Amino acid sequence: MASSSSPGATETDAPSISITVERNPPQSRLVELGIKSWPKWGCPPGRYPLKFDAEETCYMVKGRVTAYIKGSSESVEFGAGDLVIFPKGLCCTWEVSAPVDKYYKFDSSS
């Protein structure tokens, strides 16, 4: 059960950083987060290399994305109705298959 490194160290020092997707969160959660007051952003289908200099939380109003994480064989799919968290320091390429419209917020403490 014990390991040579602490859980905190593996989370922050791990070479792979993951994207968190919460599928179809309840309306009460969206109201609690205040997403309607967040800025909006959108893009047409295409490929977009992105680097997150701060943690970003976004709510996908429409669209479909496959995110390919740099330095990993991992990909994450998300789309309309999903609440997605991108950790600070993440580099990935978005392959947008349907036009995206999202609300987003950067964590000012990250």
PDB file of N, CA and C in Angstrom:
ATOM      1  N   MET A   1       0.821  -1.189   0.000  1.00  0.00           N
ATOM      2  CA  MET A   1       0.000   0.000   0.000  1.00  0.00           C
ATOM      3  C   MET A   1       0.866   1.254   0.000  1.00  0.00           C
ATOM      4  N   ALA A   2       1.975   1.246   0.692  1.00  0.00           N
ATOM      5  CA  ALA A   2       2.865   2.404   0.711  1.00  0.00           C
ATOM      6  C   ALA A   2       3.663   2.462  -0.590  1.00  0.00           C
ATOM      7  N   SER A   3       3.989   3.663  -0.993  1.00  0.00           N
ATOM      8  CA  SER A   3       4.802   3.825  -2.191  1.00  0.00           C
ATOM      9  C   SER A   3       5.986   4.724  -1.871  1.00  0.00           C
ATOM     10  N   SER A   4       6.935   4.768  -2.783  1.00  0.00           N
ATOM     11  CA  SER A   4       8.148   5.541  -2.532  1.00  0.00           C
ATOM     12  C   SER A   4       7.937   7.043  -2.704  1.00  0.00           C
ATOM     13  N   SER A   5       6.843   7.431  -3.312  1.00  0.00           N
ATOM     14  CA  SER A   5       6.571   8.865  -3.455  1.00  0.00           C
ATOM     15  C   SER A   5       5.199   9.173  -2.869  1.00  0.00           C
ATOM     16  N   SER A   6       5.046  10.373  -2.375  1.00  0.00           N
ATOM     17  CA  SER A   6       3.771  10.748  -1.767  1.00  0.00           C
ATOM     18  C   SER A   6       2.746  11.015  -2.862  1.00  0.00           C
ATOM     19  N   PRO A   7       1.444  10.827  -2.557  1.00  0.00           N
ATOM     20  CA  PRO A   7       0.407  11.078  -3.571  1.00  0.00           C
ATOM     21  C   PRO A   7       0.443  12.515  -4.089  1.00  0.00           C
ATOM     22  N   GLY A   8       0.741  13.484  -3.207  1.00  0.00           N
ATOM     23  CA  GLY A   8       0.806  14.878  -3.645  1.00  0.00           C
ATOM     24  C   GLY A   8       1.882  15.099  -4.689  1.00  0.00           C
ATOM     25  N   ALA A   9       3.034  14.439  -4.512  1.00  0.00           N
ATOM     26  CA  ALA A   9       4.143  14.600  -5.450  1.00  0.00           C
ATOM     27  C   ALA A   9       3.785  14.005  -6.807  1.00  0.00           C
ATOM     28  N   THR A  10       3.112  12.862  -6.809  1.00  0.00           N
ATOM     29  CA  THR A  10       2.793  12.248  -8.097  1.00  0.00           C
ATOM     30  C   THR A  10       1.752  13.073  -8.848  1.00  0.00           C
ATOM     31  N   GLU A  11       0.848  13.713  -8.125  1.00  0.00           N
ATOM     32  CA  GLU A  11      -0.165  14.521  -8.807  1.00  0.00           C
ATOM     33  C   GLU A  11       0.457  15.751  -9.463  1.00  0.00           C
ATOM     34  N   THR A  12       1.345  16.427  -8.768  1.00  0.00           N
ATOM     35  CA  THR A  12       1.901  17.670  -9.309  1.00  0.00           C
ATOM     36  C   THR A  12       3.093  17.440 -10.228  1.00  0.00           C
ATOM     37  N   ASP A  13       3.824  16.348 -10.005  1.00  0.00           N
ATOM     38  CA  ASP A  13       5.024  16.103 -10.789  1.00  0.00           C
ATOM     39  C   ASP A  13       4.828  15.102 -11.927  1.00  0.00           C
ATOM     40  N   ALA A  14       3.621  14.576 -12.056  1.00  0.00           N
ATOM     41  CA  ALA A  14       3.362  13.553 -13.071  1.00  0.00           C
ATOM     42  C   ALA A  14       3.557  14.136 -14.461  1.00  0.00           C
ATOM     43  N   PRO A  15       4.215  13.384 -15.368  1.00  0.00           N
ATOM     44  CA  PRO A  15       4.427  13.893 -16.715  1.00  0.00           C
ATOM     45  C   PRO A  15       3.120  14.045 -17.501  1.00  0.00           C
ATOM     46  N   SER A  16       2.121  13.213 -17.193  1.00  0.00           N
ATOM     47  CA  SER A  16       0.855  13.348 -17.910  1.00  0.00           C
ATOM     48  C   SER A  16      -0.133  14.150 -17.073  1.00  0.00           C
ATOM     49  N   ILE A  17      -0.702  15.157 -17.679  1.00  0.00           N
ATOM     50  CA  ILE A  17      -1.698  16.011 -17.034  1.00  0.00           C
ATOM     51  C   ILE A  17      -3.019  15.661 -17.695  1.00  0.00           C
ATOM     52  N   SER A  18      -4.054  15.461 -16.899  1.00  0.00           N
ATOM     53  CA  SER A  18      -5.301  15.025 -17.512  1.00  0.00           C
ATOM     54  C   SER A  18      -6.376  16.099 -17.525  1.00  0.00           C
ATOM     55  N   ILE A  19      -7.285  15.951 -18.462  1.00  0.00           N
ATOM     56  CA  ILE A  19      -8.443  16.812 -18.637  1.00  0.00           C
ATOM     57  C   ILE A  19      -9.595  16.139 -17.905  1.00  0.00           C
ATOM     58  N   THR A  20     -10.337  16.914 -17.119  1.00  0.00           N
ATOM     59  CA  THR A  20     -11.488  16.383 -16.391  1.00  0.00           C
ATOM     60  C   THR A  20     -12.764  16.774 -17.129  1.00  0.00           C
ATOM     61  N   VAL A  21     -13.611  15.774 -17.412  1.00  0.00           N
ATOM     62  CA  VAL A  21     -14.878  16.033 -18.098  1.00  0.00           C
ATOM     63  C   VAL A  21     -16.020  15.572 -17.204  1.00  0.00           C
ATOM     64  N   GLU A  22     -16.924  16.499 -16.905  1.00  0.00           N
ATOM     65  CA  GLU A  22     -18.137  16.183 -16.150  1.00  0.00           C
ATOM     66  C   GLU A  22     -19.284  16.219 -17.163  1.00  0.00           C
ATOM     67  N   ARG A  23     -19.817  15.047 -17.493  1.00  0.00           N
ATOM     68  CA  ARG A  23     -20.852  14.942 -18.518  1.00  0.00           C
ATOM     69  C   ARG A  23     -22.212  15.407 -17.999  1.00  0.00           C
ATOM     70  N   ASN A  24     -22.822  16.323 -18.733  1.00  0.00           N
ATOM     71  CA  ASN A  24     -24.173  16.815 -18.435  1.00  0.00           C
ATOM     72  C   ASN A  24     -24.420  17.110 -16.957  1.00  0.00           C
ATOM     73  N   PRO A  25     -23.673  18.066 -16.387  1.00  0.00           N
ATOM     74  CA  PRO A  25     -23.897  18.414 -14.976  1.00  0.00           C
ATOM     75  C   PRO A  25     -25.316  18.970 -14.787  1.00  0.00           C
ATOM     76  N   PRO A  26     -25.886  18.801 -13.585  1.00  0.00           N
ATOM     77  CA  PRO A  26     -27.241  19.327 -13.355  1.00  0.00           C
ATOM     78  C   PRO A  26     -27.270  20.857 -13.440  1.00  0.00           C
ATOM     79  N   GLN A  27     -28.423  21.385 -13.804  1.00  0.00           N
ATOM     80  CA  GLN A  27     -28.607  22.834 -13.930  1.00  0.00           C
ATOM     81  C   GLN A  27     -28.203  23.544 -12.638  1.00  0.00           C
ATOM     82  N   SER A  28     -28.479  22.927 -11.487  1.00  0.00           N
ATOM     83  CA  SER A  28     -28.136  23.548 -10.199  1.00  0.00           C
ATOM     84  C   SER A  28     -26.626  23.775 -10.081  1.00  0.00           C
ATOM     85  N   ARG A  29     -25.833  22.866 -10.608  1.00  0.00           N
ATOM     86  CA  ARG A  29     -24.363  23.009 -10.572  1.00  0.00           C
ATOM     87  C   ARG A  29     -23.931  24.174 -11.450  1.00  0.00           C
ATOM     88  N   LEU A  30     -24.563  24.305 -12.627  1.00  0.00           N
ATOM     89  CA  LEU A  30     -24.208  25.397 -13.547  1.00  0.00           C
ATOM     90  C   LEU A  30     -24.566  26.755 -12.944  1.00  0.00           C
ATOM     91  N   VAL A  31     -25.712  26.810 -12.262  1.00  0.00           N
ATOM     92  CA  VAL A  31     -26.127  28.048 -11.601  1.00  0.00           C
ATOM     93  C   VAL A  31     -25.162  28.378 -10.466  1.00  0.00           C
ATOM     94  N   GLU A  32     -24.790  27.356  -9.688  1.00  0.00           N
ATOM     95  CA  GLU A  32     -23.842  27.533  -8.575  1.00  0.00           C
ATOM     96  C   GLU A  32     -22.510  28.097  -9.072  1.00  0.00           C
ATOM     97  N   LEU A  33     -22.031  27.612 -10.231  1.00  0.00           N
ATOM     98  CA  LEU A  33     -20.771  28.093 -10.803  1.00  0.00           C
ATOM     99  C   LEU A  33     -20.904  29.483 -11.437  1.00  0.00           C
ATOM    100  N   GLY A  34     -22.128  29.876 -11.755  1.00  0.00           N
ATOM    101  CA  GLY A  34     -22.360  31.182 -12.375  1.00  0.00           C
ATOM    102  C   GLY A  34     -21.893  31.262 -13.823  1.00  0.00           C
ATOM    103  N   ILE A  35     -22.015  30.150 -14.557  1.00  0.00           N
ATOM    104  CA  ILE A  35     -21.450  30.119 -15.909  1.00  0.00           C
ATOM    105  C   ILE A  35     -22.020  31.166 -16.858  1.00  0.00           C
ATOM    106  N   LYS A  36     -23.267  31.579 -16.654  1.00  0.00           N
ATOM    107  CA  LYS A  36     -23.867  32.564 -17.579  1.00  0.00           C
ATOM    108  C   LYS A  36     -23.180  33.920 -17.480  1.00  0.00           C
ATOM    109  N   SER A  37     -22.407  34.143 -16.406  1.00  0.00           N
ATOM    110  CA  SER A  37     -21.682  35.408 -16.268  1.00  0.00           C
ATOM    111  C   SER A  37     -20.265  35.311 -16.832  1.00  0.00           C
ATOM    112  N   TRP A  38     -19.845  34.098 -17.239  1.00  0.00           N
ATOM    113  CA  TRP A  38     -18.499  33.896 -17.788  1.00  0.00           C
ATOM    114  C   TRP A  38     -18.440  34.401 -19.226  1.00  0.00           C
ATOM    115  N   PRO A  39     -17.252  34.767 -19.708  1.00  0.00           N
ATOM    116  CA  PRO A  39     -17.104  35.147 -21.125  1.00  0.00           C
ATOM    117  C   PRO A  39     -17.413  33.939 -22.020  1.00  0.00           C
ATOM    118  N   LYS A  40     -17.741  34.237 -23.288  1.00  0.00           N
ATOM    119  CA  LYS A  40     -17.995  33.172 -24.257  1.00  0.00           C
ATOM    120  C   LYS A  40     -16.900  33.167 -25.309  1.00  0.00           C
ATOM    121  N   TRP A  41     -16.665  31.999 -25.880  1.00  0.00           N
ATOM    122  CA  TRP A  41     -15.682  31.840 -26.943  1.00  0.00           C
ATOM    123  C   TRP A  41     -16.177  30.761 -27.885  1.00  0.00           C
ATOM    124  N   GLY A  42     -15.846  30.885 -29.138  1.00  0.00           N
ATOM    125  CA  GLY A  42     -16.225  29.872 -30.106  1.00  0.00           C
ATOM    126  C   GLY A  42     -15.189  29.759 -31.202  1.00  0.00           C
ATOM    127  N   CYS A  43     -15.275  28.645 -31.957  1.00  0.00           N
ATOM    128  CA  CYS A  43     -14.368  28.451 -33.084  1.00  0.00           C
ATOM    129  C   CYS A  43     -15.020  27.497 -34.087  1.00  0.00           C
ATOM    130  N   PRO A  44     -14.616  27.614 -35.353  1.00  0.00           N
ATOM    131  CA  PRO A  44     -15.116  26.701 -36.381  1.00  0.00           C
ATOM    132  C   PRO A  44     -14.347  25.377 -36.341  1.00  0.00           C
ATOM    133  N   PRO A  45     -14.803  24.383 -37.075  1.00  0.00           N
ATOM    134  CA  PRO A  45     -14.048  23.127 -37.150  1.00  0.00           C
ATOM    135  C   PRO A  45     -12.608  23.380 -37.614  1.00  0.00           C
ATOM    136  N   GLY A  46     -11.682  22.582 -37.108  1.00  0.00           N
ATOM    137  CA  GLY A  46     -10.273  22.709 -37.464  1.00  0.00           C
ATOM    138  C   GLY A  46      -9.400  22.123 -36.369  1.00  0.00           C
ATOM    139  N   ARG A  47      -8.086  22.353 -36.490  1.00  0.00           N
ATOM    140  CA  ARG A  47      -7.115  21.876 -35.477  1.00  0.00           C
ATOM    141  C   ARG A  47      -6.486  23.100 -34.813  1.00  0.00           C
ATOM    142  N   TYR A  48      -6.454  23.089 -33.475  1.00  0.00           N
ATOM    143  CA  TYR A  48      -5.973  24.233 -32.717  1.00  0.00           C
ATOM    144  C   TYR A  48      -4.991  23.778 -31.626  1.00  0.00           C
ATOM    145  N   PRO A  49      -3.704  24.126 -31.735  1.00  0.00           N
ATOM    146  CA  PRO A  49      -2.764  23.827 -30.639  1.00  0.00           C
ATOM    147  C   PRO A  49      -2.999  24.835 -29.508  1.00  0.00           C
ATOM    148  N   LEU A  50      -3.124  24.341 -28.282  1.00  0.00           N
ATOM    149  CA  LEU A  50      -3.424  25.204 -27.138  1.00  0.00           C
ATOM    150  C   LEU A  50      -2.487  24.907 -25.981  1.00  0.00           C
ATOM    151  N   LYS A  51      -2.148  25.973 -25.221  1.00  0.00           N
ATOM    152  CA  LYS A  51      -1.380  25.826 -23.982  1.00  0.00           C
ATOM    153  C   LYS A  51      -2.141  26.594 -22.911  1.00  0.00           C
ATOM    154  N   PHE A  52      -2.381  25.932 -21.791  1.00  0.00           N
ATOM    155  CA  PHE A  52      -3.137  26.540 -20.711  1.00  0.00           C
ATOM    156  C   PHE A  52      -2.170  27.065 -19.650  1.00  0.00           C
ATOM    157  N   ASP A  53      -2.048  28.403 -19.581  1.00  0.00           N
ATOM    158  CA  ASP A  53      -1.151  29.046 -18.623  1.00  0.00           C
ATOM    159  C   ASP A  53      -1.805  29.187 -17.248  1.00  0.00           C
ATOM    160  N   ALA A  54      -3.113  28.895 -17.192  1.00  0.00           N
ATOM    161  CA  ALA A  54      -3.867  28.887 -15.936  1.00  0.00           C
ATOM    162  C   ALA A  54      -4.925  27.800 -16.077  1.00  0.00           C
ATOM    163  N   GLU A  55      -5.422  27.303 -14.954  1.00  0.00           N
ATOM    164  CA  GLU A  55      -6.495  26.318 -15.029  1.00  0.00           C
ATOM    165  C   GLU A  55      -7.726  26.975 -15.662  1.00  0.00           C
ATOM    166  N   GLU A  56      -8.354  26.270 -16.591  1.00  0.00           N
ATOM    167  CA  GLU A  56      -9.574  26.773 -17.230  1.00  0.00           C
ATOM    168  C   GLU A  56     -10.703  25.788 -16.998  1.00  0.00           C
ATOM    169  N   THR A  57     -11.858  26.335 -16.620  1.00  0.00           N
ATOM    170  CA  THR A  57     -13.086  25.558 -16.552  1.00  0.00           C
ATOM    171  C   THR A  57     -13.983  26.099 -17.651  1.00  0.00           C
ATOM    172  N   CYS A  58     -14.569  25.204 -18.440  1.00  0.00           N
ATOM    173  CA  CYS A  58     -15.481  25.673 -19.482  1.00  0.00           C
ATOM    174  C   CYS A  58     -16.726  24.791 -19.532  1.00  0.00           C
ATOM    175  N   TYR A  59     -17.815  25.409 -19.984  1.00  0.00           N
ATOM    176  CA  TYR A  59     -19.065  24.689 -20.205  1.00  0.00           C
ATOM    177  C   TYR A  59     -19.354  24.752 -21.699  1.00  0.00           C
ATOM    178  N   MET A  60     -19.427  23.589 -22.316  1.00  0.00           N
ATOM    179  CA  MET A  60     -19.642  23.507 -23.765  1.00  0.00           C
ATOM    180  C   MET A  60     -21.130  23.659 -24.084  1.00  0.00           C
ATOM    181  N   VAL A  61     -21.477  24.764 -24.743  1.00  0.00           N
ATOM    182  CA  VAL A  61     -22.862  25.000 -25.147  1.00  0.00           C
ATOM    183  C   VAL A  61     -23.164  24.182 -26.398  1.00  0.00           C
ATOM    184  N   LYS A  62     -22.202  24.201 -27.332  1.00  0.00           N
ATOM    185  CA  LYS A  62     -22.336  23.366 -28.530  1.00  0.00           C
ATOM    186  C   LYS A  62     -20.956  22.987 -29.026  1.00  0.00           C
ATOM    187  N   GLY A  63     -20.917  22.011 -29.911  1.00  0.00           N
ATOM    188  CA  GLY A  63     -19.649  21.607 -30.506  1.00  0.00           C
ATOM    189  C   GLY A  63     -19.241  20.204 -30.114  1.00  0.00           C
ATOM    190  N   ARG A  64     -18.160  19.764 -30.741  1.00  0.00           N
ATOM    191  CA  ARG A  64     -17.580  18.443 -30.478  1.00  0.00           C
ATOM    192  C   ARG A  64     -16.073  18.558 -30.658  1.00  0.00           C
ATOM    193  N   VAL A  65     -15.305  18.103 -29.657  1.00  0.00           N
ATOM    194  CA  VAL A  65     -13.850  18.247 -29.658  1.00  0.00           C
ATOM    195  C   VAL A  65     -13.202  16.932 -29.234  1.00  0.00           C
ATOM    196  N   THR A  66     -12.106  16.595 -29.903  1.00  0.00           N
ATOM    197  CA  THR A  66     -11.193  15.565 -29.410  1.00  0.00           C
ATOM    198  C   THR A  66      -9.897  16.294 -29.101  1.00  0.00           C
ATOM    199  N   ALA A  67      -9.472  16.231 -27.838  1.00  0.00           N
ATOM    200  CA  ALA A  67      -8.241  16.900 -27.411  1.00  0.00           C
ATOM    201  C   ALA A  67      -7.133  15.855 -27.308  1.00  0.00           C
ATOM    202  N   TYR A  68      -6.032  16.096 -28.025  1.00  0.00           N
ATOM    203  CA  TYR A  68      -4.858  15.220 -27.993  1.00  0.00           C
ATOM    204  C   TYR A  68      -3.809  15.873 -27.113  1.00  0.00           C
ATOM    205  N   ILE A  69      -3.472  15.215 -26.006  1.00  0.00           N
ATOM    206  CA  ILE A  69      -2.544  15.776 -25.035  1.00  0.00           C
ATOM    207  C   ILE A  69      -1.106  15.572 -25.501  1.00  0.00           C
ATOM    208  N   LYS A  70      -0.353  16.672 -25.527  1.00  0.00           N
ATOM    209  CA  LYS A  70       1.043  16.637 -25.984  1.00  0.00           C
ATOM    210  C   LYS A  70       1.869  15.708 -25.102  1.00  0.00           C
ATOM    211  N   GLY A  71       2.681  14.879 -25.735  1.00  0.00           N
ATOM    212  CA  GLY A  71       3.553  13.974 -25.012  1.00  0.00           C
ATOM    213  C   GLY A  71       2.855  12.747 -24.451  1.00  0.00           C
ATOM    214  N   SER A  72       1.628  12.511 -24.900  1.00  0.00           N
ATOM    215  CA  SER A  72       0.849  11.382 -24.392  1.00  0.00           C
ATOM    216  C   SER A  72       0.081  10.753 -25.545  1.00  0.00           C
ATOM    217  N   SER A  73      -0.255   9.490 -25.410  1.00  0.00           N
ATOM    218  CA  SER A  73      -1.094   8.846 -26.420  1.00  0.00           C
ATOM    219  C   SER A  73      -2.568   9.051 -26.069  1.00  0.00           C
ATOM    220  N   GLU A  74      -2.821   9.737 -24.952  1.00  0.00           N
ATOM    221  CA  GLU A  74      -4.180   9.956 -24.465  1.00  0.00           C
ATOM    222  C   GLU A  74      -4.908  11.011 -25.289  1.00  0.00           C
ATOM    223  N   SER A  75      -6.187  10.760 -25.549  1.00  0.00           N
ATOM    224  CA  SER A  75      -7.059  11.783 -26.127  1.00  0.00           C
ATOM    225  C   SER A  75      -8.344  11.789 -25.317  1.00  0.00           C
ATOM    226  N   VAL A  76      -8.995  12.939 -25.274  1.00  0.00           N
ATOM    227  CA  VAL A  76     -10.219  13.109 -24.501  1.00  0.00           C
ATOM    228  C   VAL A  76     -11.257  13.738 -25.415  1.00  0.00           C
ATOM    229  N   GLU A  77     -12.465  13.162 -25.434  1.00  0.00           N
ATOM    230  CA  GLU A  77     -13.556  13.719 -26.228  1.00  0.00           C
ATOM    231  C   GLU A  77     -14.548  14.415 -25.310  1.00  0.00           C
ATOM    232  N   PHE A  78     -15.038  15.557 -25.773  1.00  0.00           N
ATOM    233  CA  PHE A  78     -16.076  16.269 -25.035  1.00  0.00           C
ATOM    234  C   PHE A  78     -16.885  17.096 -26.019  1.00  0.00           C
ATOM    235  N   GLY A  79     -18.054  17.530 -25.566  1.00  0.00           N
ATOM    236  CA  GLY A  79     -18.929  18.279 -26.459  1.00  0.00           C
ATOM    237  C   GLY A  79     -20.054  18.962 -25.711  1.00  0.00           C
ATOM    238  N   ALA A  80     -21.092  19.335 -26.455  1.00  0.00           N
ATOM    239  CA  ALA A  80     -22.232  20.080 -25.921  1.00  0.00           C
ATOM    240  C   ALA A  80     -22.755  19.437 -24.643  1.00  0.00           C
ATOM    241  N   GLY A  81     -22.934  20.275 -23.609  1.00  0.00           N
ATOM    242  CA  GLY A  81     -23.456  19.814 -22.339  1.00  0.00           C
ATOM    243  C   GLY A  81     -22.409  19.388 -21.338  1.00  0.00           C
ATOM    244  N   ASP A  82     -21.127  19.367 -21.732  1.00  0.00           N
ATOM    245  CA  ASP A  82     -20.062  18.928 -20.831  1.00  0.00           C
ATOM    246  C   ASP A  82     -19.404  20.113 -20.121  1.00  0.00           C
ATOM    247  N   LEU A  83     -19.038  19.881 -18.851  1.00  0.00           N
ATOM    248  CA  LEU A  83     -18.247  20.824 -18.073  1.00  0.00           C
ATOM    249  C   LEU A  83     -16.831  20.252 -18.060  1.00  0.00           C
ATOM    250  N   VAL A  84     -15.862  21.040 -18.527  1.00  0.00           N
ATOM    251  CA  VAL A  84     -14.511  20.521 -18.740  1.00  0.00           C
ATOM    252  C   VAL A  84     -13.497  21.379 -17.986  1.00  0.00           C
ATOM    253  N   ILE A  85     -12.530  20.710 -17.328  1.00  0.00           N
ATOM    254  CA  ILE A  85     -11.469  21.430 -16.615  1.00  0.00           C
ATOM    255  C   ILE A  85     -10.123  21.064 -17.233  1.00  0.00           C
ATOM    256  N   PHE A  86      -9.402  22.107 -17.658  1.00  0.00           N
ATOM    257  CA  PHE A  86      -8.063  21.955 -18.230  1.00  0.00           C
ATOM    258  C   PHE A  86      -7.062  22.444 -17.194  1.00  0.00           C
ATOM    259  N   PRO A  87      -6.138  21.595 -16.746  1.00  0.00           N
ATOM    260  CA  PRO A  87      -5.184  22.025 -15.712  1.00  0.00           C
ATOM    261  C   PRO A  87      -4.134  22.997 -16.254  1.00  0.00           C
ATOM    262  N   LYS A  88      -3.624  23.813 -15.347  1.00  0.00           N
ATOM    263  CA  LYS A  88      -2.534  24.736 -15.680  1.00  0.00           C
ATOM    264  C   LYS A  88      -1.350  23.931 -16.198  1.00  0.00           C
ATOM    265  N   GLY A  89      -0.744  24.408 -17.270  1.00  0.00           N
ATOM    266  CA  GLY A  89       0.432  23.762 -17.835  1.00  0.00           C
ATOM    267  C   GLY A  89       0.129  22.759 -18.933  1.00  0.00           C
ATOM    268  N   LEU A  90      -1.142  22.472 -19.166  1.00  0.00           N
ATOM    269  CA  LEU A  90      -1.513  21.495 -20.192  1.00  0.00           C
ATOM    270  C   LEU A  90      -1.252  22.048 -21.592  1.00  0.00           C
ATOM    271  N   CYS A  91      -0.652  21.232 -22.438  1.00  0.00           N
ATOM    272  CA  CYS A  91      -0.512  21.530 -23.864  1.00  0.00           C
ATOM    273  C   CYS A  91      -1.272  20.438 -24.605  1.00  0.00           C
ATOM    274  N   CYS A  92      -2.134  20.847 -25.503  1.00  0.00           N
ATOM    275  CA  CYS A  92      -2.891  19.860 -26.265  1.00  0.00           C
ATOM    276  C   CYS A  92      -3.295  20.465 -27.606  1.00  0.00           C
ATOM    277  N   THR A  93      -3.765  19.603 -28.490  1.00  0.00           N
ATOM    278  CA  THR A  93      -4.303  20.056 -29.762  1.00  0.00           C
ATOM    279  C   THR A  93      -5.767  19.673 -29.802  1.00  0.00           C
ATOM    280  N   TRP A  94      -6.617  20.666 -30.064  1.00  0.00           N
ATOM    281  CA  TRP A  94      -8.047  20.413 -30.217  1.00  0.00           C
ATOM    282  C   TRP A  94      -8.327  20.086 -31.674  1.00  0.00           C
ATOM    283  N   GLU A  95      -8.980  18.975 -31.906  1.00  0.00           N
ATOM    284  CA  GLU A  95      -9.513  18.662 -33.221  1.00  0.00           C
ATOM    285  C   GLU A  95     -11.017  18.872 -33.101  1.00  0.00           C
ATOM    286  N   VAL A  96     -11.481  19.985 -33.675  1.00  0.00           N
ATOM    287  CA  VAL A  96     -12.877  20.393 -33.559  1.00  0.00           C
ATOM    288  C   VAL A  96     -13.652  19.847 -34.757  1.00  0.00           C
ATOM    289  N   SER A  97     -14.607  18.952 -34.479  1.00  0.00           N
ATOM    290  CA  SER A  97     -15.388  18.346 -35.567  1.00  0.00           C
ATOM    291  C   SER A  97     -16.737  19.035 -35.776  1.00  0.00           C
ATOM    292  N   ALA A  98     -17.219  19.770 -34.769  1.00  0.00           N
ATOM    293  CA  ALA A  98     -18.442  20.562 -34.894  1.00  0.00           C
ATOM    294  C   ALA A  98     -18.167  21.903 -34.218  1.00  0.00           C
ATOM    295  N   PRO A  99     -18.634  23.014 -34.817  1.00  0.00           N
ATOM    296  CA  PRO A  99     -18.318  24.350 -34.291  1.00  0.00           C
ATOM    297  C   PRO A  99     -18.565  24.455 -32.781  1.00  0.00           C
ATOM    298  N   VAL A 100     -17.607  25.067 -32.087  1.00  0.00           N
ATOM    299  CA  VAL A 100     -17.644  25.183 -30.627  1.00  0.00           C
ATOM    300  C   VAL A 100     -18.202  26.534 -30.202  1.00  0.00           C
ATOM    301  N   ASP A 101     -19.024  26.496 -29.153  1.00  0.00           N
ATOM    302  CA  ASP A 101     -19.494  27.682 -28.450  1.00  0.00           C
ATOM    303  C   ASP A 101     -19.410  27.300 -26.973  1.00  0.00           C
ATOM    304  N   LYS A 102     -18.655  28.056 -26.194  1.00  0.00           N
ATOM    305  CA  LYS A 102     -18.469  27.691 -24.791  1.00  0.00           C
ATOM    306  C   LYS A 102     -18.402  28.921 -23.904  1.00  0.00           C
ATOM    307  N   TYR A 103     -18.757  28.707 -22.622  1.00  0.00           N
ATOM    308  CA  TYR A 103     -18.494  29.668 -21.568  1.00  0.00           C
ATOM    309  C   TYR A 103     -17.186  29.214 -20.924  1.00  0.00           C
ATOM    310  N   TYR A 104     -16.341  30.150 -20.492  1.00  0.00           N
ATOM    311  CA  TYR A 104     -15.074  29.753 -19.888  1.00  0.00           C
ATOM    312  C   TYR A 104     -14.672  30.699 -18.762  1.00  0.00           C
ATOM    313  N   LYS A 105     -13.833  30.146 -17.886  1.00  0.00           N
ATOM    314  CA  LYS A 105     -13.308  30.939 -16.763  1.00  0.00           C
ATOM    315  C   LYS A 105     -11.924  30.421 -16.426  1.00  0.00           C
ATOM    316  N   PHE A 106     -10.969  31.334 -16.249  1.00  0.00           N
ATOM    317  CA  PHE A 106      -9.628  30.972 -15.803  1.00  0.00           C
ATOM    318  C   PHE A 106      -9.552  31.129 -14.301  1.00  0.00           C
ATOM    319  N   ASP A 107      -8.882  30.193 -13.647  1.00  0.00           N
ATOM    320  CA  ASP A 107      -8.677  30.253 -12.203  1.00  0.00           C
ATOM    321  C   ASP A 107      -7.601  31.287 -11.924  1.00  0.00           C
ATOM    322  N   SER A 108      -7.973  32.376 -11.295  1.00  0.00           N
ATOM    323  CA  SER A 108      -7.016  33.468 -11.062  1.00  0.00           C
ATOM    324  C   SER A 108      -5.959  33.112 -10.033  1.00  0.00           C
ATOM    325  N   SER A 109      -6.187  32.053  -9.242  1.00  0.00           N
ATOM    326  CA  SER A 109      -5.201  31.684  -8.234  1.00  0.00           C
ATOM    327  C   SER A 109      -4.140  30.726  -8.770  1.00  0.00           C
ATOM    328  N   SER A 110      -4.314  30.233 -10.018  1.00  0.00           N
ATOM    329  CA  SER A 110      -3.336  29.265 -10.540  1.00  0.00           C
ATOM    330  C   SER A 110      -2.190  29.939 -11.250  1.00  0.00           C
TER     331      SER A 110
END
